[in-house]
PDB file of N, CA and C in Angstrom:
ATOM      1  N   ARG A   1      20.593  25.626 -20.997  1.00  0.00           N
ATOM      2  CA  ARG A   1      20.982  26.978 -21.343  1.00  0.00           C
ATOM      3  C   ARG A   1      19.879  27.982 -21.045  1.00  0.00           C
ATOM      4  N   VAL A   2      18.644  27.565 -21.199  1.00  0.00           N
ATOM      5  CA  VAL A   2      17.524  28.454 -20.910  1.00  0.00           C
ATOM      6  C   VAL A   2      17.577  28.916 -19.460  1.00  0.00           C
ATOM      7  N   SER A   3      17.990  28.018 -18.572  1.00  0.00           N
ATOM      8  CA  SER A   3      18.027  28.379 -17.155  1.00  0.00           C
ATOM      9  C   SER A   3      18.940  29.567 -16.900  1.00  0.00           C
ATOM     10  N   LEU A   4      20.009  29.698 -17.681  1.00  0.00           N
ATOM     11  CA  LEU A   4      20.930  30.818 -17.504  1.00  0.00           C
ATOM     12  C   LEU A   4      20.312  32.140 -17.948  1.00  0.00           C
ATOM     13  N   LEU A   5      19.406  32.093 -18.916  1.00  0.00           N
ATOM     14  CA  LEU A   5      18.709  33.311 -19.329  1.00  0.00           C
ATOM     15  C   LEU A   5      17.659  33.713 -18.301  1.00  0.00           C
ATOM     16  N   VAL A   6      16.926  32.717 -17.817  1.00  0.00           N
ATOM     17  CA  VAL A   6      15.802  32.981 -16.930  1.00  0.00           C
ATOM     18  C   VAL A   6      16.246  33.181 -15.479  1.00  0.00           C
ATOM     19  N   PHE A   7      17.236  32.401 -15.054  1.00  0.00           N
ATOM     20  CA  PHE A   7      17.788  32.507 -13.696  1.00  0.00           C
ATOM     21  C   PHE A   7      19.306  32.650 -13.796  1.00  0.00           C
ATOM     22  N   PRO A   8      19.783  33.842 -14.165  1.00  0.00           N
ATOM     23  CA  PRO A   8      21.225  34.027 -14.358  1.00  0.00           C
ATOM     24  C   PRO A   8      22.010  33.827 -13.061  1.00  0.00           C
ATOM     25  N   GLU A   9      23.265  33.421 -13.220  1.00  0.00           N
ATOM     26  CA  GLU A   9      24.119  33.204 -12.054  1.00  0.00           C
ATOM     27  C   GLU A   9      24.509  34.516 -11.389  1.00  0.00           C
ATOM     28  N   ARG A  10      24.800  35.523 -12.197  1.00  0.00           N
ATOM     29  CA  ARG A  10      25.146  36.830 -11.622  1.00  0.00           C
ATOM     30  C   ARG A  10      23.867  37.531 -11.187  1.00  0.00           C
ATOM     31  N   ASP A  11      23.911  38.122 -10.032  1.00  0.00           N
ATOM     32  CA  ASP A  11      22.704  38.766  -9.523  1.00  0.00           C
ATOM     33  C   ASP A  11      22.911  40.264  -9.316  1.00  0.00           C
ATOM     34  N   THR A  12      23.608  40.867 -10.272  1.00  0.00           N
ATOM     35  CA  THR A  12      23.830  42.306 -10.203  1.00  0.00           C
ATOM     36  C   THR A  12      23.595  42.939 -11.565  1.00  0.00           C
ATOM     37  N   GLY A  13      23.245  44.201 -11.562  1.00  0.00           N
ATOM     38  CA  GLY A  13      23.143  44.998 -12.771  1.00  0.00           C
ATOM     39  C   GLY A  13      22.163  44.465 -13.794  1.00  0.00           C
ATOM     40  N   PHE A  14      22.570  44.604 -15.061  1.00  0.00           N
ATOM     41  CA  PHE A  14      21.701  44.233 -16.172  1.00  0.00           C
ATOM     42  C   PHE A  14      21.335  42.756 -16.133  1.00  0.00           C
ATOM     43  N   THR A  15      22.274  41.906 -15.753  1.00  0.00           N
ATOM     44  CA  THR A  15      22.018  40.458 -15.733  1.00  0.00           C
ATOM     45  C   THR A  15      20.867  40.126 -14.804  1.00  0.00           C
ATOM     46  N   GLU A  16      20.871  40.701 -13.625  1.00  0.00           N
ATOM     47  CA  GLU A  16      19.781  40.465 -12.680  1.00  0.00           C
ATOM     48  C   GLU A  16      18.464  40.998 -13.236  1.00  0.00           C
ATOM     49  N   LEU A  17      18.500  42.195 -13.800  1.00  0.00           N
ATOM     50  CA  LEU A  17      17.296  42.801 -14.372  1.00  0.00           C
ATOM     51  C   LEU A  17      16.753  41.938 -15.514  1.00  0.00           C
ATOM     52  N   ARG A  18      17.638  41.472 -16.395  1.00  0.00           N
ATOM     53  CA  ARG A  18      17.211  40.622 -17.512  1.00  0.00           C
ATOM     54  C   ARG A  18      16.476  39.396 -17.013  1.00  0.00           C
ATOM     55  N   GLY A  19      17.056  38.682 -16.067  1.00  0.00           N
ATOM     56  CA  GLY A  19      16.417  37.481 -15.538  1.00  0.00           C
ATOM     57  C   GLY A  19      15.072  37.770 -14.907  1.00  0.00           C
ATOM     58  N   ARG A  20      15.031  38.809 -14.108  1.00  0.00           N
ATOM     59  CA  ARG A  20      13.779  39.173 -13.426  1.00  0.00           C
ATOM     60  C   ARG A  20      12.689  39.556 -14.437  1.00  0.00           C
ATOM     61  N   GLU A  21      13.059  40.330 -15.459  1.00  0.00           N
ATOM     62  CA  GLU A  21      12.082  40.751 -16.462  1.00  0.00           C
ATOM     63  C   GLU A  21      11.601  39.574 -17.305  1.00  0.00           C
ATOM     64  N   ILE A  22      12.502  38.687 -17.690  1.00  0.00           N
ATOM     65  CA  ILE A  22      12.086  37.516 -18.471  1.00  0.00           C
ATOM     66  C   ILE A  22      11.122  36.661 -17.657  1.00  0.00           C
ATOM     67  N   ARG A  23      11.433  36.454 -16.385  1.00  0.00           N
ATOM     68  CA  ARG A  23      10.531  35.657 -15.539  1.00  0.00           C
ATOM     69  C   ARG A  23       9.168  36.334 -15.399  1.00  0.00           C
ATOM     70  N   ALA A  24       9.163  37.645 -15.247  1.00  0.00           N
ATOM     71  CA  ALA A  24       7.894  38.362 -15.089  1.00  0.00           C
ATOM     72  C   ALA A  24       7.060  38.305 -16.367  1.00  0.00           C
ATOM     73  N   ILE A  25       7.685  38.546 -17.490  1.00  0.00           N
ATOM     74  CA  ILE A  25       6.961  38.588 -18.762  1.00  0.00           C
ATOM     75  C   ILE A  25       6.447  37.208 -19.150  1.00  0.00           C
ATOM     76  N   THR A  26       7.233  36.174 -18.848  1.00  0.00           N
ATOM     77  CA  THR A  26       6.855  34.816 -19.266  1.00  0.00           C
ATOM     78  C   THR A  26       6.188  34.020 -18.142  1.00  0.00           C
ATOM     79  N   ASP A  27       5.980  34.650 -16.996  1.00  0.00           N
ATOM     80  CA  ASP A  27       5.316  34.014 -15.855  1.00  0.00           C
ATOM     81  C   ASP A  27       6.039  32.762 -15.360  1.00  0.00           C
ATOM     82  N   VAL A  28       7.369  32.764 -15.388  1.00  0.00           N
ATOM     83  CA  VAL A  28       8.139  31.628 -14.874  1.00  0.00           C
ATOM     84  C   VAL A  28       8.258  31.786 -13.358  1.00  0.00           C
ATOM     85  N   PRO A  29       7.740  30.824 -12.591  1.00  0.00           N
ATOM     86  CA  PRO A  29       7.790  30.939 -11.127  1.00  0.00           C
ATOM     87  C   PRO A  29       9.196  30.630 -10.577  1.00  0.00           C
ATOM     88  N   ASP A  30       9.450  31.087  -9.369  1.00  0.00           N
ATOM     89  CA  ASP A  30      10.752  30.847  -8.736  1.00  0.00           C
ATOM     90  C   ASP A  30      11.045  29.368  -8.530  1.00  0.00           C
ATOM     91  N   ASP A  31       9.996  28.539  -8.394  1.00  0.00           N
ATOM     92  CA  ASP A  31      10.215  27.105  -8.183  1.00  0.00           C
ATOM     93  C   ASP A  31      10.232  26.323  -9.503  1.00  0.00           C
ATOM     94  N   SER A  32      10.453  27.011 -10.604  1.00  0.00           N
ATOM     95  CA  SER A  32      10.508  26.386 -11.920  1.00  0.00           C
ATOM     96  C   SER A  32      11.669  25.389 -12.012  1.00  0.00           C
ATOM     97  N   VAL A  33      11.500  24.380 -12.870  1.00  0.00           N
ATOM     98  CA  VAL A  33      12.592  23.427 -13.103  1.00  0.00           C
ATOM     99  C   VAL A  33      13.816  24.134 -13.671  1.00  0.00           C
ATOM    100  N   PHE A  34      13.629  25.295 -14.278  1.00  0.00           N
ATOM    101  CA  PHE A  34      14.767  26.056 -14.794  1.00  0.00           C
ATOM    102  C   PHE A  34      15.662  26.591 -13.676  1.00  0.00           C
ATOM    103  N   ASN A  35      15.150  26.611 -12.454  1.00  0.00           N
ATOM    104  CA  ASN A  35      15.911  27.140 -11.322  1.00  0.00           C
ATOM    105  C   ASN A  35      16.607  26.033 -10.519  1.00  0.00           C
ATOM    106  N   ASP A  36      16.647  24.824 -11.045  1.00  0.00           N
ATOM    107  CA  ASP A  36      17.328  23.713 -10.370  1.00  0.00           C
ATOM    108  C   ASP A  36      18.798  23.731 -10.766  1.00  0.00           C
ATOM    109  N   ARG A  37      19.616  24.460 -10.011  1.00  0.00           N
ATOM    110  CA  ARG A  37      21.037  24.626 -10.312  1.00  0.00           C
ATOM    111  C   ARG A  37      21.804  23.306 -10.309  1.00  0.00           C
ATOM    112  N   GLU A  38      21.480  22.430  -9.371  1.00  0.00           N
ATOM    113  CA  GLU A  38      22.201  21.152  -9.305  1.00  0.00           C
ATOM    114  C   GLU A  38      22.004  20.359 -10.587  1.00  0.00           C
ATOM    115  N   PHE A  39      20.778  20.295 -11.093  1.00  0.00           N
ATOM    116  CA  PHE A  39      20.527  19.563 -12.322  1.00  0.00           C
ATOM    117  C   PHE A  39      21.197  20.253 -13.503  1.00  0.00           C
ATOM    118  N   ARG A  40      21.048  21.559 -13.584  1.00  0.00           N
ATOM    119  CA  ARG A  40      21.678  22.317 -14.674  1.00  0.00           C
ATOM    120  C   ARG A  40      23.175  22.088 -14.683  1.00  0.00           C
ATOM    121  N   ASP A  41      23.801  22.216 -13.522  1.00  0.00           N
ATOM    122  CA  ASP A  41      25.248  22.043 -13.436  1.00  0.00           C
ATOM    123  C   ASP A  41      25.665  20.609 -13.770  1.00  0.00           C
ATOM    124  N   SER A  42      24.896  19.657 -13.295  1.00  0.00           N
ATOM    125  CA  SER A  42      25.207  18.262 -13.589  1.00  0.00           C
ATOM    126  C   SER A  42      25.124  17.993 -15.085  1.00  0.00           C
ATOM    127  N   TRP A  43      24.113  18.555 -15.719  1.00  0.00           N
ATOM    128  CA  TRP A  43      23.911  18.325 -17.155  1.00  0.00           C
ATOM    129  C   TRP A  43      24.982  19.038 -17.985  1.00  0.00           C
ATOM    130  N   LEU A  44      25.223  20.312 -17.685  1.00  0.00           N
ATOM    131  CA  LEU A  44      26.162  21.102 -18.483  1.00  0.00           C
ATOM    132  C   LEU A  44      27.620  20.771 -18.198  1.00  0.00           C
ATOM    133  N   HIS A  45      27.905  20.349 -16.990  1.00  0.00           N
ATOM    134  CA  HIS A  45      29.294  20.083 -16.604  1.00  0.00           C
ATOM    135  C   HIS A  45      29.523  18.598 -16.355  1.00  0.00           C
ATOM    136  N   HIS A  46      28.910  17.776 -17.202  1.00  0.00           N
ATOM    137  CA  HIS A  46      29.026  16.325 -17.048  1.00  0.00           C
ATOM    138  C   HIS A  46      30.484  15.881 -17.056  1.00  0.00           C
ATOM    139  N   ASP A  47      31.296  16.514 -17.885  1.00  0.00           N
ATOM    140  CA  ASP A  47      32.714  16.158 -17.953  1.00  0.00           C
ATOM    141  C   ASP A  47      33.414  16.390 -16.622  1.00  0.00           C
ATOM    142  N   GLU A  48      33.122  17.498 -15.967  1.00  0.00           N
ATOM    143  CA  GLU A  48      33.736  17.793 -14.668  1.00  0.00           C
ATOM    144  C   GLU A  48      33.229  16.826 -13.607  1.00  0.00           C
ATOM    145  N   ARG A  49      31.928  16.528 -13.629  1.00  0.00           N
ATOM    146  CA  ARG A  49      31.374  15.571 -12.665  1.00  0.00           C
ATOM    147  C   ARG A  49      31.991  14.192 -12.876  1.00  0.00           C
ATOM    148  N   LEU A  50      32.225  13.814 -14.122  1.00  0.00           N
ATOM    149  CA  LEU A  50      32.848  12.531 -14.413  1.00  0.00           C
ATOM    150  C   LEU A  50      34.275  12.501 -13.868  1.00  0.00           C
ATOM    151  N   ASP A  51      35.030  13.558 -14.078  1.00  0.00           N
ATOM    152  CA  ASP A  51      36.389  13.642 -13.534  1.00  0.00           C
ATOM    153  C   ASP A  51      36.380  13.527 -12.013  1.00  0.00           C
ATOM    154  N   ASP A  52      35.487  14.277 -11.363  1.00  0.00           N
ATOM    155  CA  ASP A  52      35.396  14.243  -9.904  1.00  0.00           C
ATOM    156  C   ASP A  52      34.997  12.861  -9.402  1.00  0.00           C
ATOM    157  N   ALA A  53      34.037  12.234 -10.079  1.00  0.00           N
ATOM    158  CA  ALA A  53      33.563  10.910  -9.669  1.00  0.00           C
ATOM    159  C   ALA A  53      34.676   9.875  -9.773  1.00  0.00           C
ATOM    160  N   ILE A  54      35.447   9.946 -10.834  1.00  0.00           N
ATOM    161  CA  ILE A  54      36.552   8.999 -10.995  1.00  0.00           C
ATOM    162  C   ILE A  54      37.597   9.235  -9.916  1.00  0.00           C
ATOM    163  N   ALA A  55      37.919  10.493  -9.642  1.00  0.00           N
ATOM    164  CA  ALA A  55      38.909  10.812  -8.603  1.00  0.00           C
ATOM    165  C   ALA A  55      38.460  10.337  -7.225  1.00  0.00           C
ATOM    166  N   LEU A  56      37.148  10.385  -6.970  1.00  0.00           N
ATOM    167  CA  LEU A  56      36.609   9.974  -5.672  1.00  0.00           C
ATOM    168  C   LEU A  56      36.166   8.512  -5.649  1.00  0.00           C
ATOM    169  N   GLY A  57      36.218   7.846  -6.796  1.00  0.00           N
ATOM    170  CA  GLY A  57      35.772   6.455  -6.875  1.00  0.00           C
ATOM    171  C   GLY A  57      34.261   6.307  -6.824  1.00  0.00           C
ATOM    172  N   LEU A  58      33.549   7.336  -7.302  1.00  0.00           N
ATOM    173  CA  LEU A  58      32.075   7.316  -7.297  1.00  0.00           C
ATOM    174  C   LEU A  58      31.547   7.371  -8.725  1.00  0.00           C
ATOM    175  N   GLY A  59      30.588   6.550  -9.024  1.00  0.00           N
ATOM    176  CA  GLY A  59      29.916   6.642 -10.312  1.00  0.00           C
ATOM    177  C   GLY A  59      30.838   6.580 -11.504  1.00  0.00           C
ATOM    178  N   HIS A  60      31.850   5.767 -11.419  1.00  0.00           N
ATOM    179  CA  HIS A  60      32.867   5.705 -12.454  1.00  0.00           C
ATOM    180  C   HIS A  60      32.374   5.134 -13.783  1.00  0.00           C
ATOM    181  N   ALA A  61      31.175   4.536 -13.815  1.00  0.00           N
ATOM    182  CA  ALA A  61      30.669   3.923 -15.040  1.00  0.00           C
ATOM    183  C   ALA A  61      30.050   4.943 -15.991  1.00  0.00           C
ATOM    184  N   GLY A  62      29.952   6.181 -15.602  1.00  0.00           N
ATOM    185  CA  GLY A  62      29.439   7.211 -16.505  1.00  0.00           C
ATOM    186  C   GLY A  62      27.931   7.224 -16.600  1.00  0.00           C
ATOM    187  N   GLN A  63      27.417   7.049 -17.800  1.00  0.00           N
ATOM    188  CA  GLN A  63      25.988   7.222 -18.062  1.00  0.00           C
ATOM    189  C   GLN A  63      25.367   5.914 -18.544  1.00  0.00           C
ATOM    190  N   ARG A  64      24.111   5.689 -18.158  1.00  0.00           N
ATOM    191  CA  ARG A  64      23.402   4.486 -18.586  1.00  0.00           C
ATOM    192  C   ARG A  64      21.960   4.829 -18.939  1.00  0.00           C
ATOM    193  N   PHE A  65      21.465   4.245 -20.014  1.00  0.00           N
ATOM    194  CA  PHE A  65      20.075   4.376 -20.430  1.00  0.00           C
ATOM    195  C   PHE A  65      19.385   3.063 -20.109  1.00  0.00           C
ATOM    196  N   THR A  66      18.236   3.137 -19.427  1.00  0.00           N
ATOM    197  CA  THR A  66      17.526   1.929 -19.024  1.00  0.00           C
ATOM    198  C   THR A  66      16.046   2.262 -18.836  1.00  0.00           C
ATOM    199  N   VAL A  67      15.302   1.351 -18.231  1.00  0.00           N
ATOM    200  CA  VAL A  67      13.904   1.605 -17.894  1.00  0.00           C
ATOM    201  C   VAL A  67      13.779   1.660 -16.378  1.00  0.00           C
ATOM    202  N   ALA A  68      12.737   2.310 -15.892  1.00  0.00           N
ATOM    203  CA  ALA A  68      12.579   2.577 -14.462  1.00  0.00           C
ATOM    204  C   ALA A  68      12.627   1.316 -13.609  1.00  0.00           C
ATOM    205  N   VAL A  69      11.984   0.265 -14.047  1.00  0.00           N
ATOM    206  CA  VAL A  69      11.896  -0.951 -13.246  1.00  0.00           C
ATOM    207  C   VAL A  69      13.270  -1.594 -13.023  1.00  0.00           C
ATOM    208  N   ASP A  70      14.234  -1.297 -13.886  1.00  0.00           N
ATOM    209  CA  ASP A  70      15.562  -1.897 -13.764  1.00  0.00           C
ATOM    210  C   ASP A  70      16.543  -1.082 -12.921  1.00  0.00           C
ATOM    211  N   VAL A  71      16.171   0.116 -12.517  1.00  0.00           N
ATOM    212  CA  VAL A  71      17.079   0.962 -11.740  1.00  0.00           C
ATOM    213  C   VAL A  71      17.188   0.434 -10.313  1.00  0.00           C
ATOM    214  N   THR A  72      18.420   0.207  -9.871  1.00  0.00           N
ATOM    215  CA  THR A  72      18.678  -0.280  -8.514  1.00  0.00           C
ATOM    216  C   THR A  72      19.661   0.657  -7.815  1.00  0.00           C
ATOM    217  N   ASN A  73      19.768   0.513  -6.506  1.00  0.00           N
ATOM    218  CA  ASN A  73      20.751   1.303  -5.767  1.00  0.00           C
ATOM    219  C   ASN A  73      22.170   0.952  -6.195  1.00  0.00           C
ATOM    220  N   LYS A  74      22.403  -0.306  -6.510  1.00  0.00           N
ATOM    221  CA  LYS A  74      23.725  -0.738  -6.975  1.00  0.00           C
ATOM    222  C   LYS A  74      24.065  -0.040  -8.296  1.00  0.00           C
ATOM    223  N   MET A  75      23.065   0.058  -9.182  1.00  0.00           N
ATOM    224  CA  MET A  75      23.270   0.746 -10.454  1.00  0.00           C
ATOM    225  C   MET A  75      23.572   2.224 -10.212  1.00  0.00           C
ATOM    226  N   LYS A  76      22.836   2.843  -9.284  1.00  0.00           N
ATOM    227  CA  LYS A  76      23.075   4.257  -8.972  1.00  0.00           C
ATOM    228  C   LYS A  76      24.483   4.473  -8.438  1.00  0.00           C
ATOM    229  N   ALA A  77      24.953   3.532  -7.620  1.00  0.00           N
ATOM    230  CA  ALA A  77      26.295   3.661  -7.057  1.00  0.00           C
ATOM    231  C   ALA A  77      27.378   3.542  -8.126  1.00  0.00           C
ATOM    232  N   ALA A  78      27.092   2.795  -9.180  1.00  0.00           N
ATOM    233  CA  ALA A  78      28.094   2.547 -10.214  1.00  0.00           C
ATOM    234  C   ALA A  78      28.084   3.577 -11.341  1.00  0.00           C
ATOM    235  N   HIS A  79      26.993   4.322 -11.481  1.00  0.00           N
ATOM    236  CA  HIS A  79      26.871   5.244 -12.610  1.00  0.00           C
ATOM    237  C   HIS A  79      26.755   6.686 -12.141  1.00  0.00           C
ATOM    238  N   LEU A  80      27.311   7.560 -12.929  1.00  0.00           N
ATOM    239  CA  LEU A  80      27.215   8.987 -12.643  1.00  0.00           C
ATOM    240  C   LEU A  80      25.836   9.531 -13.004  1.00  0.00           C
ATOM    241  N   ARG A  81      25.263   8.981 -14.078  1.00  0.00           N
ATOM    242  CA  ARG A  81      23.951   9.426 -14.527  1.00  0.00           C
ATOM    243  C   ARG A  81      23.193   8.232 -15.093  1.00  0.00           C
ATOM    244  N   ILE A  82      21.913   8.117 -14.739  1.00  0.00           N
ATOM    245  CA  ILE A  82      21.048   7.081 -15.284  1.00  0.00           C
ATOM    246  C   ILE A  82      19.816   7.775 -15.844  1.00  0.00           C
ATOM    247  N   ILE A  83      19.476   7.445 -17.070  1.00  0.00           N
ATOM    248  CA  ILE A  83      18.296   8.030 -17.702  1.00  0.00           C
ATOM    249  C   ILE A  83      17.276   6.929 -17.942  1.00  0.00           C
ATOM    250  N   GLU A  84      16.115   7.089 -17.309  1.00  0.00           N
ATOM    251  CA  GLU A  84      15.014   6.145 -17.505  1.00  0.00           C
ATOM    252  C   GLU A  84      14.292   6.549 -18.788  1.00  0.00           C
ATOM    253  N   MET A  85      14.404   5.715 -19.799  1.00  0.00           N
ATOM    254  CA  MET A  85      13.832   6.041 -21.099  1.00  0.00           C
ATOM    255  C   MET A  85      12.300   6.037 -21.080  1.00  0.00           C
ATOM    256  N   ASP A  86      11.693   5.204 -20.247  1.00  0.00           N
ATOM    257  CA  ASP A  86      10.227   5.124 -20.223  1.00  0.00           C
ATOM    258  C   ASP A  86       9.588   6.270 -19.446  1.00  0.00           C
ATOM    259  N   THR A  87      10.214   6.713 -18.377  1.00  0.00           N
ATOM    260  CA  THR A  87       9.636   7.773 -17.551  1.00  0.00           C
ATOM    261  C   THR A  87      10.290   9.128 -17.779  1.00  0.00           C
ATOM    262  N   GLN A  88      11.425   9.129 -18.461  1.00  0.00           N
ATOM    263  CA  GLN A  88      12.224  10.333 -18.707  1.00  0.00           C
ATOM    264  C   GLN A  88      12.716  10.974 -17.410  1.00  0.00           C
ATOM    265  N   VAL A  89      13.000  10.142 -16.431  1.00  0.00           N
ATOM    266  CA  VAL A  89      13.598  10.606 -15.179  1.00  0.00           C
ATOM    267  C   VAL A  89      15.109  10.410 -15.277  1.00  0.00           C
ATOM    268  N   VAL A  90      15.846  11.405 -14.813  1.00  0.00           N
ATOM    269  CA  VAL A  90      17.301  11.343 -14.805  1.00  0.00           C
ATOM    270  C   VAL A  90      17.760  11.260 -13.350  1.00  0.00           C
ATOM    271  N   HIS A  91      18.516  10.211 -13.030  1.00  0.00           N
ATOM    272  CA  HIS A  91      19.166  10.088 -11.728  1.00  0.00           C
ATOM    273  C   HIS A  91      20.592  10.600 -11.914  1.00  0.00           C
ATOM    274  N   TYR A  92      21.035  11.453 -11.025  1.00  0.00           N
ATOM    275  CA  TYR A  92      22.366  12.028 -11.188  1.00  0.00           C
ATOM    276  C   TYR A  92      22.963  12.341  -9.814  1.00  0.00           C
ATOM    277  N   ARG A  93      24.226  12.658  -9.808  1.00  0.00           N
ATOM    278  CA  ARG A  93      24.910  13.054  -8.580  1.00  0.00           C
ATOM    279  C   ARG A  93      25.008  14.573  -8.537  1.00  0.00           C
ATOM    280  N   ASP A  94      24.740  15.128  -7.363  1.00  0.00           N
ATOM    281  CA  ASP A  94      24.872  16.568  -7.213  1.00  0.00           C
ATOM    282  C   ASP A  94      26.341  16.922  -6.992  1.00  0.00           C
ATOM    283  N   SER A  95      26.622  18.175  -6.741  1.00  0.00           N
ATOM    284  CA  SER A  95      28.006  18.631  -6.603  1.00  0.00           C
ATOM    285  C   SER A  95      28.718  18.048  -5.387  1.00  0.00           C
ATOM    286  N   HIS A  96      27.965  17.446  -4.471  1.00  0.00           N
ATOM    287  CA  HIS A  96      28.555  16.828  -3.281  1.00  0.00           C
ATOM    288  C   HIS A  96      28.584  15.308  -3.378  1.00  0.00           C
ATOM    289  N   GLY A  97      28.191  14.764  -4.529  1.00  0.00           N
ATOM    290  CA  GLY A  97      28.188  13.321  -4.725  1.00  0.00           C
ATOM    291  C   GLY A  97      26.897  12.643  -4.310  1.00  0.00           C
ATOM    292  N   GLY A  98      25.922  13.412  -3.815  1.00  0.00           N
ATOM    293  CA  GLY A  98      24.640  12.846  -3.402  1.00  0.00           C
ATOM    294  C   GLY A  98      23.754  12.533  -4.589  1.00  0.00           C
ATOM    295  N   TYR A  99      22.784  11.659  -4.372  1.00  0.00           N
ATOM    296  CA  TYR A  99      21.858  11.275  -5.435  1.00  0.00           C
ATOM    297  C   TYR A  99      20.696  12.254  -5.526  1.00  0.00           C
ATOM    298  N   ARG A 100      20.338  12.574  -6.739  1.00  0.00           N
ATOM    299  CA  ARG A 100      19.168  13.395  -7.021  1.00  0.00           C
ATOM    300  C   ARG A 100      18.500  12.849  -8.264  1.00  0.00           C
ATOM    301  N   GLN A 101      17.322  13.359  -8.536  1.00  0.00           N
ATOM    302  CA  GLN A 101      16.663  13.005  -9.787  1.00  0.00           C
ATOM    303  C   GLN A 101      15.887  14.204 -10.293  1.00  0.00           C
ATOM    304  N   ALA A 102      15.702  14.230 -11.603  1.00  0.00           N
ATOM    305  CA  ALA A 102      14.963  15.305 -12.253  1.00  0.00           C
ATOM    306  C   ALA A 102      14.148  14.701 -13.387  1.00  0.00           C
ATOM    307  N   SER A 103      13.083  15.371 -13.733  1.00  0.00           N
ATOM    308  CA  SER A 103      12.185  14.896 -14.770  1.00  0.00           C
ATOM    309  C   SER A 103      12.409  15.658 -16.074  1.00  0.00           C
ATOM    310  N   LEU A 104      12.792  14.927 -17.110  1.00  0.00           N
ATOM    311  CA  LEU A 104      12.924  15.559 -18.426  1.00  0.00           C
ATOM    312  C   LEU A 104      11.556  15.939 -18.973  1.00  0.00           C
ATOM    313  N   ARG A 105      10.520  15.211 -18.591  1.00  0.00           N
ATOM    314  CA  ARG A 105       9.154  15.582 -19.006  1.00  0.00           C
ATOM    315  C   ARG A 105       8.775  16.941 -18.437  1.00  0.00           C
ATOM    316  N   ALA A 106       9.072  17.145 -17.158  1.00  0.00           N
ATOM    317  CA  ALA A 106       8.772  18.443 -16.542  1.00  0.00           C
ATOM    318  C   ALA A 106       9.558  19.554 -17.235  1.00  0.00           C
ATOM    319  N   MET A 107      10.804  19.267 -17.599  1.00  0.00           N
ATOM    320  CA  MET A 107      11.609  20.250 -18.315  1.00  0.00           C
ATOM    321  C   MET A 107      10.991  20.537 -19.682  1.00  0.00           C
ATOM    322  N   GLY A 108      10.563  19.497 -20.379  1.00  0.00           N
ATOM    323  CA  GLY A 108       9.916  19.681 -21.680  1.00  0.00           C
ATOM    324  C   GLY A 108       8.634  20.479 -21.567  1.00  0.00           C
ATOM    325  N   ASP A 109       7.843  20.183 -20.537  1.00  0.00           N
ATOM    326  CA  ASP A 109       6.597  20.933 -20.322  1.00  0.00           C
ATOM    327  C   ASP A 109       6.897  22.403 -20.055  1.00  0.00           C
ATOM    328  N   ALA A 110       7.909  22.668 -19.242  1.00  0.00           N
ATOM    329  CA  ALA A 110       8.276  24.056 -18.923  1.00  0.00           C
ATOM    330  C   ALA A 110       8.792  24.772 -20.171  1.00  0.00           C
ATOM    331  N   LEU A 111       9.552  24.070 -21.007  1.00  0.00           N
ATOM    332  CA  LEU A 111      10.027  24.673 -22.263  1.00  0.00           C
ATOM    333  C   LEU A 111       8.862  24.981 -23.196  1.00  0.00           C
ATOM    334  N   HIS A 112       7.882  24.089 -23.235  1.00  0.00           N
ATOM    335  CA  HIS A 112       6.703  24.323 -24.082  1.00  0.00           C
ATOM    336  C   HIS A 112       5.954  25.577 -23.626  1.00  0.00           C
ATOM    337  N   VAL A 113       5.737  25.702 -22.334  1.00  0.00           N
ATOM    338  CA  VAL A 113       5.042  26.879 -21.802  1.00  0.00           C
ATOM    339  C   VAL A 113       5.838  28.137 -22.103  1.00  0.00           C
ATOM    340  N   LEU A 114       7.145  28.087 -21.881  1.00  0.00           N
ATOM    341  CA  LEU A 114       7.991  29.246 -22.151  1.00  0.00           C
ATOM    342  C   LEU A 114       7.941  29.611 -23.634  1.00  0.00           C
ATOM    343  N   ASN A 115       7.951  28.602 -24.494  1.00  0.00           N
ATOM    344  CA  ASN A 115       7.906  28.833 -25.930  1.00  0.00           C
ATOM    345  C   ASN A 115       6.613  29.542 -26.356  1.00  0.00           C
ATOM    346  N   THR A 116       5.515  29.217 -25.704  1.00  0.00           N
ATOM    347  CA  THR A 116       4.249  29.870 -26.058  1.00  0.00           C
ATOM    348  C   THR A 116       4.242  31.339 -25.643  1.00  0.00           C
ATOM    349  N   LYS A 117       5.079  31.701 -24.670  1.00  0.00           N
ATOM    350  CA  LYS A 117       5.109  33.080 -24.173  1.00  0.00           C
ATOM    351  C   LYS A 117       6.272  33.877 -24.752  1.00  0.00           C
ATOM    352  N   TRP A 118       7.183  33.195 -25.439  1.00  0.00           N
ATOM    353  CA  TRP A 118       8.376  33.869 -25.957  1.00  0.00           C
ATOM    354  C   TRP A 118       8.028  34.980 -26.946  1.00  0.00           C
ATOM    355  N   PRO A 119       7.030  34.819 -27.851  1.00  0.00           N
ATOM    356  CA  PRO A 119       6.691  35.933 -28.759  1.00  0.00           C
ATOM    357  C   PRO A 119       6.327  37.215 -28.008  1.00  0.00           C
ATOM    358  N   ARG A 120       5.694  37.058 -26.844  1.00  0.00           N
ATOM    359  CA  ARG A 120       5.351  38.224 -26.027  1.00  0.00           C
ATOM    360  C   ARG A 120       6.614  38.950 -25.586  1.00  0.00           C
ATOM    361  N   LEU A 121       7.627  38.188 -25.248  1.00  0.00           N
ATOM    362  CA  LEU A 121       8.898  38.763 -24.819  1.00  0.00           C
ATOM    363  C   LEU A 121       9.579  39.457 -25.995  1.00  0.00           C
ATOM    364  N   LEU A 122       9.597  38.799 -27.157  1.00  0.00           N
ATOM    365  CA  LEU A 122      10.268  39.362 -28.324  1.00  0.00           C
ATOM    366  C   LEU A 122       9.571  40.616 -28.830  1.00  0.00           C
ATOM    367  N   SER A 123       8.270  40.705 -28.667  1.00  0.00           N
ATOM    368  CA  SER A 123       7.528  41.864 -29.168  1.00  0.00           C
ATOM    369  C   SER A 123       7.874  43.125 -28.384  1.00  0.00           C
ATOM    370  N   LEU A 124       8.428  42.993 -27.212  1.00  0.00           N
ATOM    371  CA  LEU A 124       8.778  44.190 -26.425  1.00  0.00           C
ATOM    372  C   LEU A 124       9.912  44.966 -27.044  1.00  0.00           C
ATOM    373  N   GLY A 125      10.754  44.288 -27.833  1.00  0.00           N
ATOM    374  CA  GLY A 125      11.877  44.960 -28.449  1.00  0.00           C
ATOM    375  C   GLY A 125      11.519  45.708 -29.730  1.00  0.00           C
ATOM    376  N   SER A 126      10.311  45.536 -30.217  1.00  0.00           N
ATOM    377  CA  SER A 126       9.953  46.195 -31.491  1.00  0.00           C
ATOM    378  C   SER A 126       9.134  47.445 -31.278  1.00  0.00           C
TER     379      SER A 126
END
């Protein structure tokens, strides 16, 4: 959800200005993990990705929690999402059915940095 505040989908009017100002005030770079639309969409629209995967015969097993050493290509082919509990890496399918991965640690680190700068953003309204 944070990604929608920092990198809004609409790029016109107040919405665009809000995103640009939040990024400037909080020093969020354009290459931030918050700007990874494929991961955001995969995470937020898991139900839609599951429906699409079943219709296409891809990743019909849904989600699996495991450790990095146990992840195989066969497992990736059978699951829509795999979460490595030891490394906090998420393997997922993008909107075209391709394989991608994202780091929950990197997301946590980015949230921590944003959280330290959020009071600066809130103080502008007072």
